[in-house]
Amino acid sequence: MAAAPCVATPGVHIRRQVPIGRYVADFACLRRRLVVEVDGNQLAMPEGLARDGIRDAFLAERGFKVLRFSNHDVDHALASVIDTIFEALRGRWEEEEG
């Protein structure tokens, strides 16, 4: 798989393994309050869904929007994943500016 292009966007700094409260986000843009999680097979398991729901509620209470992608999506549809992330960032920017 080819590496995704690095796109410099003003106001966007995405970091890996970001502590937020008692959780560690896979990726986060703190300025835009966006968290990106990449999950394996546990995503579809009932206990995983329940745990993710609690985590998502915690993050939402702190103003974060959470995007979740499966490992399969990242491996096989990376361009779509990146488009979704940039659309979310654009939406968060419009909320901030509006």
N, C-alpha and C. Protein backbone atom coordinates (compact mmCIF):
# COMPACT_ATOMS: atom_id res chain seq x y z
N MET A 1 0.85 -1.17 0.00
CA MET A 1 0.00 0.00 0.00
C MET A 1 0.90 1.24 0.00
N ALA A 2 0.58 2.18 -0.83
CA ALA A 2 1.35 3.42 -0.90
C ALA A 2 1.01 4.31 0.28
N ALA A 3 1.97 5.08 0.71
CA ALA A 3 1.74 6.01 1.82
C ALA A 3 0.80 7.11 1.36
N ALA A 4 -0.04 7.57 2.28
CA ALA A 4 -0.96 8.67 1.98
C ALA A 4 -0.17 9.95 1.87
N PRO A 5 -0.58 10.82 0.97
CA PRO A 5 0.13 12.09 0.85
C PRO A 5 -0.05 12.93 2.11
N CYS A 6 0.97 13.66 2.45
CA CYS A 6 0.90 14.57 3.59
C CYS A 6 0.40 15.91 3.07
N VAL A 7 -0.69 16.39 3.62
CA VAL A 7 -1.28 17.63 3.16
C VAL A 7 -1.21 18.64 4.29
N ALA A 8 -0.53 19.73 4.06
CA ALA A 8 -0.44 20.80 5.07
C ALA A 8 -1.70 21.65 4.98
N THR A 9 -2.40 21.75 6.08
CA THR A 9 -3.62 22.54 6.13
C THR A 9 -3.54 23.45 7.34
N PRO A 10 -3.68 24.75 7.13
CA PRO A 10 -3.59 25.69 8.27
C PRO A 10 -4.59 25.32 9.37
N GLY A 11 -4.13 25.37 10.60
CA GLY A 11 -5.01 25.08 11.74
C GLY A 11 -5.23 23.62 12.02
N VAL A 12 -4.59 22.76 11.24
CA VAL A 12 -4.78 21.32 11.41
C VAL A 12 -3.44 20.67 11.76
N HIS A 13 -3.40 20.11 12.93
CA HIS A 13 -2.23 19.36 13.36
C HIS A 13 -2.77 18.07 13.97
N ILE A 14 -2.62 16.97 13.26
CA ILE A 14 -3.13 15.69 13.73
C ILE A 14 -1.99 14.95 14.39
N ARG A 15 -2.23 14.55 15.64
CA ARG A 15 -1.22 13.84 16.42
C ARG A 15 -1.68 12.41 16.70
N ARG A 16 -0.70 11.53 16.91
CA ARG A 16 -0.97 10.13 17.26
C ARG A 16 -0.94 9.95 18.77
N GLN A 17 -1.74 8.99 19.24
CA GLN A 17 -1.72 8.57 20.64
C GLN A 17 -1.82 9.77 21.59
N VAL A 18 -2.96 10.42 21.54
CA VAL A 18 -3.19 11.66 22.29
C VAL A 18 -4.00 11.36 23.55
N PRO A 19 -3.44 11.62 24.73
CA PRO A 19 -4.21 11.44 25.96
C PRO A 19 -5.31 12.50 26.06
N ILE A 20 -6.53 12.03 26.31
CA ILE A 20 -7.66 12.92 26.54
C ILE A 20 -8.39 12.35 27.75
N GLY A 21 -8.23 12.99 28.88
CA GLY A 21 -8.80 12.44 30.11
C GLY A 21 -8.19 11.08 30.39
N ARG A 22 -9.06 10.11 30.65
CA ARG A 22 -8.57 8.76 30.98
C ARG A 22 -8.37 7.87 29.74
N TYR A 23 -8.57 8.45 28.56
CA TYR A 23 -8.43 7.71 27.32
C TYR A 23 -7.23 8.20 26.51
N VAL A 24 -6.82 7.36 25.56
CA VAL A 24 -5.78 7.75 24.60
C VAL A 24 -6.38 7.57 23.21
N ALA A 25 -6.53 8.68 22.50
CA ALA A 25 -7.09 8.64 21.15
C ALA A 25 -6.02 8.15 20.17
N ASP A 26 -6.42 7.37 19.18
CA ASP A 26 -5.48 6.93 18.15
C ASP A 26 -4.88 8.14 17.45
N PHE A 27 -5.75 9.06 17.03
CA PHE A 27 -5.34 10.30 16.37
C PHE A 27 -6.27 11.41 16.82
N ALA A 28 -5.76 12.63 16.92
CA ALA A 28 -6.62 13.75 17.31
C ALA A 28 -6.09 15.05 16.75
N CYS A 29 -7.02 15.90 16.38
CA CYS A 29 -6.72 17.30 16.07
C CYS A 29 -7.38 18.09 17.19
N LEU A 30 -6.58 18.53 18.15
CA LEU A 30 -7.12 19.18 19.34
C LEU A 30 -7.79 20.51 19.00
N ARG A 31 -7.21 21.27 18.10
CA ARG A 31 -7.78 22.58 17.77
C ARG A 31 -9.18 22.44 17.17
N ARG A 32 -9.37 21.43 16.34
CA ARG A 32 -10.68 21.21 15.70
C ARG A 32 -11.56 20.24 16.49
N ARG A 33 -11.05 19.75 17.62
CA ARG A 33 -11.81 18.85 18.51
C ARG A 33 -12.32 17.62 17.75
N LEU A 34 -11.40 16.99 17.00
CA LEU A 34 -11.74 15.80 16.22
C LEU A 34 -10.84 14.66 16.64
N VAL A 35 -11.45 13.51 16.91
CA VAL A 35 -10.73 12.28 17.26
C VAL A 35 -10.98 11.26 16.16
N VAL A 36 -9.93 10.57 15.74
CA VAL A 36 -10.04 9.49 14.75
C VAL A 36 -9.57 8.20 15.41
N GLU A 37 -10.43 7.21 15.41
CA GLU A 37 -10.11 5.90 15.98
C GLU A 37 -10.07 4.87 14.87
N VAL A 38 -9.07 4.02 14.89
CA VAL A 38 -8.94 2.92 13.94
C VAL A 38 -9.03 1.63 14.76
N ASP A 39 -10.05 0.84 14.45
CA ASP A 39 -10.36 -0.33 15.26
C ASP A 39 -10.24 -1.62 14.46
N GLY A 40 -9.87 -2.67 15.16
CA GLY A 40 -9.81 -4.00 14.57
C GLY A 40 -11.16 -4.68 14.67
N ASN A 41 -11.16 -5.99 14.76
CA ASN A 41 -12.39 -6.78 14.78
C ASN A 41 -13.25 -6.51 16.02
N GLN A 42 -12.65 -5.99 17.09
CA GLN A 42 -13.40 -5.75 18.31
C GLN A 42 -14.50 -4.71 18.11
N LEU A 43 -14.42 -3.95 17.01
CA LEU A 43 -15.40 -2.92 16.71
C LEU A 43 -16.82 -3.48 16.69
N ALA A 44 -16.98 -4.68 16.15
CA ALA A 44 -18.31 -5.25 15.99
C ALA A 44 -18.76 -6.11 17.18
N MET A 45 -17.91 -6.34 18.15
CA MET A 45 -18.25 -7.17 19.30
C MET A 45 -19.10 -6.36 20.28
N PRO A 46 -20.10 -6.98 20.90
CA PRO A 46 -20.99 -6.22 21.82
C PRO A 46 -20.23 -5.49 22.93
N GLU A 47 -19.24 -6.15 23.53
CA GLU A 47 -18.51 -5.48 24.62
C GLU A 47 -17.68 -4.31 24.07
N GLY A 48 -17.17 -4.45 22.85
CA GLY A 48 -16.43 -3.37 22.21
C GLY A 48 -17.32 -2.19 21.89
N LEU A 49 -18.53 -2.48 21.40
CA LEU A 49 -19.49 -1.42 21.10
C LEU A 49 -19.89 -0.67 22.36
N ALA A 50 -20.11 -1.39 23.45
CA ALA A 50 -20.48 -0.75 24.71
C ALA A 50 -19.35 0.13 25.23
N ARG A 51 -18.14 -0.38 25.18
CA ARG A 51 -16.97 0.38 25.63
C ARG A 51 -16.77 1.63 24.77
N ASP A 52 -16.93 1.47 23.45
CA ASP A 52 -16.79 2.61 22.54
C ASP A 52 -17.87 3.66 22.81
N GLY A 53 -19.08 3.21 23.13
CA GLY A 53 -20.16 4.16 23.43
C GLY A 53 -19.85 5.01 24.65
N ILE A 54 -19.30 4.39 25.68
CA ILE A 54 -18.93 5.12 26.90
C ILE A 54 -17.80 6.11 26.59
N ARG A 55 -16.82 5.65 25.84
CA ARG A 55 -15.69 6.51 25.46
C ARG A 55 -16.16 7.68 24.60
N ASP A 56 -17.02 7.38 23.60
CA ASP A 56 -17.52 8.43 22.72
C ASP A 56 -18.32 9.48 23.50
N ALA A 57 -19.11 9.04 24.47
CA ALA A 57 -19.88 9.97 25.30
C ALA A 57 -18.94 10.87 26.11
N PHE A 58 -17.90 10.28 26.67
CA PHE A 58 -16.91 11.04 27.43
C PHE A 58 -16.29 12.11 26.55
N LEU A 59 -15.89 11.73 25.33
CA LEU A 59 -15.26 12.68 24.42
C LEU A 59 -16.25 13.74 23.94
N ALA A 60 -17.48 13.35 23.65
CA ALA A 60 -18.50 14.30 23.20
C ALA A 60 -18.79 15.34 24.28
N GLU A 61 -18.80 14.92 25.54
CA GLU A 61 -19.02 15.86 26.65
C GLU A 61 -17.92 16.92 26.69
N ARG A 62 -16.78 16.61 26.13
CA ARG A 62 -15.65 17.54 26.11
C ARG A 62 -15.51 18.24 24.75
N GLY A 63 -16.56 18.11 23.92
CA GLY A 63 -16.61 18.83 22.66
C GLY A 63 -15.95 18.16 21.47
N PHE A 64 -15.59 16.87 21.61
CA PHE A 64 -14.93 16.16 20.52
C PHE A 64 -15.94 15.42 19.65
N LYS A 65 -15.70 15.43 18.35
CA LYS A 65 -16.41 14.56 17.41
C LYS A 65 -15.50 13.36 17.19
N VAL A 66 -16.07 12.17 17.17
CA VAL A 66 -15.28 10.95 17.01
C VAL A 66 -15.63 10.29 15.68
N LEU A 67 -14.61 10.01 14.89
CA LEU A 67 -14.75 9.22 13.67
C LEU A 67 -14.12 7.87 13.92
N ARG A 68 -14.79 6.80 13.51
CA ARG A 68 -14.26 5.46 13.68
C ARG A 68 -14.15 4.78 12.32
N PHE A 69 -13.01 4.15 12.11
CA PHE A 69 -12.76 3.39 10.89
C PHE A 69 -12.23 2.02 11.27
N SER A 70 -12.55 1.04 10.46
CA SER A 70 -11.99 -0.30 10.70
C SER A 70 -10.60 -0.37 10.06
N ASN A 71 -9.82 -1.31 10.54
CA ASN A 71 -8.51 -1.56 9.92
C ASN A 71 -8.70 -1.89 8.44
N HIS A 72 -9.77 -2.61 8.12
CA HIS A 72 -10.05 -2.98 6.73
C HIS A 72 -10.26 -1.73 5.88
N ASP A 73 -11.03 -0.76 6.39
CA ASP A 73 -11.24 0.48 5.63
C ASP A 73 -9.93 1.20 5.37
N VAL A 74 -9.08 1.28 6.39
CA VAL A 74 -7.80 1.97 6.24
C VAL A 74 -6.91 1.24 5.23
N ASP A 75 -6.92 -0.08 5.27
CA ASP A 75 -6.08 -0.87 4.36
C ASP A 75 -6.59 -0.88 2.92
N HIS A 76 -7.93 -0.84 2.74
CA HIS A 76 -8.49 -1.05 1.41
C HIS A 76 -9.22 0.16 0.82
N ALA A 77 -9.47 1.19 1.62
CA ALA A 77 -10.18 2.37 1.12
C ALA A 77 -9.60 3.63 1.75
N LEU A 78 -8.29 3.72 1.75
CA LEU A 78 -7.61 4.82 2.44
C LEU A 78 -8.04 6.19 1.91
N ALA A 79 -8.19 6.32 0.60
CA ALA A 79 -8.58 7.61 0.03
C ALA A 79 -9.94 8.05 0.59
N SER A 80 -10.85 7.13 0.72
CA SER A 80 -12.17 7.44 1.28
C SER A 80 -12.07 7.84 2.75
N VAL A 81 -11.23 7.14 3.49
CA VAL A 81 -11.00 7.47 4.90
C VAL A 81 -10.46 8.90 5.03
N ILE A 82 -9.46 9.22 4.21
CA ILE A 82 -8.86 10.55 4.25
C ILE A 82 -9.88 11.61 3.86
N ASP A 83 -10.67 11.35 2.83
CA ASP A 83 -11.72 12.30 2.43
C ASP A 83 -12.70 12.55 3.57
N THR A 84 -13.09 11.50 4.27
CA THR A 84 -14.03 11.62 5.38
C THR A 84 -13.43 12.46 6.50
N ILE A 85 -12.16 12.24 6.80
CA ILE A 85 -11.49 13.01 7.85
C ILE A 85 -11.42 14.49 7.46
N PHE A 86 -11.03 14.77 6.21
CA PHE A 86 -10.94 16.17 5.78
C PHE A 86 -12.31 16.84 5.75
N GLU A 87 -13.36 16.11 5.38
CA GLU A 87 -14.71 16.68 5.42
C GLU A 87 -15.11 17.03 6.85
N ALA A 88 -14.78 16.15 7.78
CA ALA A 88 -15.08 16.42 9.19
C ALA A 88 -14.30 17.62 9.69
N LEU A 89 -13.02 17.70 9.32
CA LEU A 89 -12.21 18.86 9.72
C LEU A 89 -12.79 20.15 9.14
N ARG A 90 -13.22 20.11 7.89
CA ARG A 90 -13.82 21.28 7.26
C ARG A 90 -15.09 21.68 8.02
N GLY A 91 -15.89 20.70 8.38
CA GLY A 91 -17.11 20.98 9.13
C GLY A 91 -16.82 21.58 10.50
N ARG A 92 -15.79 21.07 11.16
CA ARG A 92 -15.41 21.61 12.47
C ARG A 92 -14.88 23.03 12.31
N TRP A 93 -14.16 23.31 11.24
CA TRP A 93 -13.64 24.65 10.97
C TRP A 93 -14.79 25.62 10.72
N GLU A 94 -15.79 25.17 9.95
CA GLU A 94 -16.94 26.04 9.67
C GLU A 94 -17.73 26.34 10.94
N GLU A 95 -17.83 25.35 11.83
CA GLU A 95 -18.50 25.58 13.12
C GLU A 95 -17.74 26.64 13.93
N GLU A 96 -16.42 26.53 13.92
CA GLU A 96 -15.57 27.46 14.67
C GLU A 96 -15.65 28.87 14.10
N GLU A 97 -15.68 28.97 12.77
CA GLU A 97 -15.69 30.26 12.11
C GLU A 97 -17.08 30.90 12.08
N GLY A 98 -18.12 30.02 12.07
CA GLY A 98 -19.49 30.49 11.87
C GLY A 98 -20.07 31.09 13.08
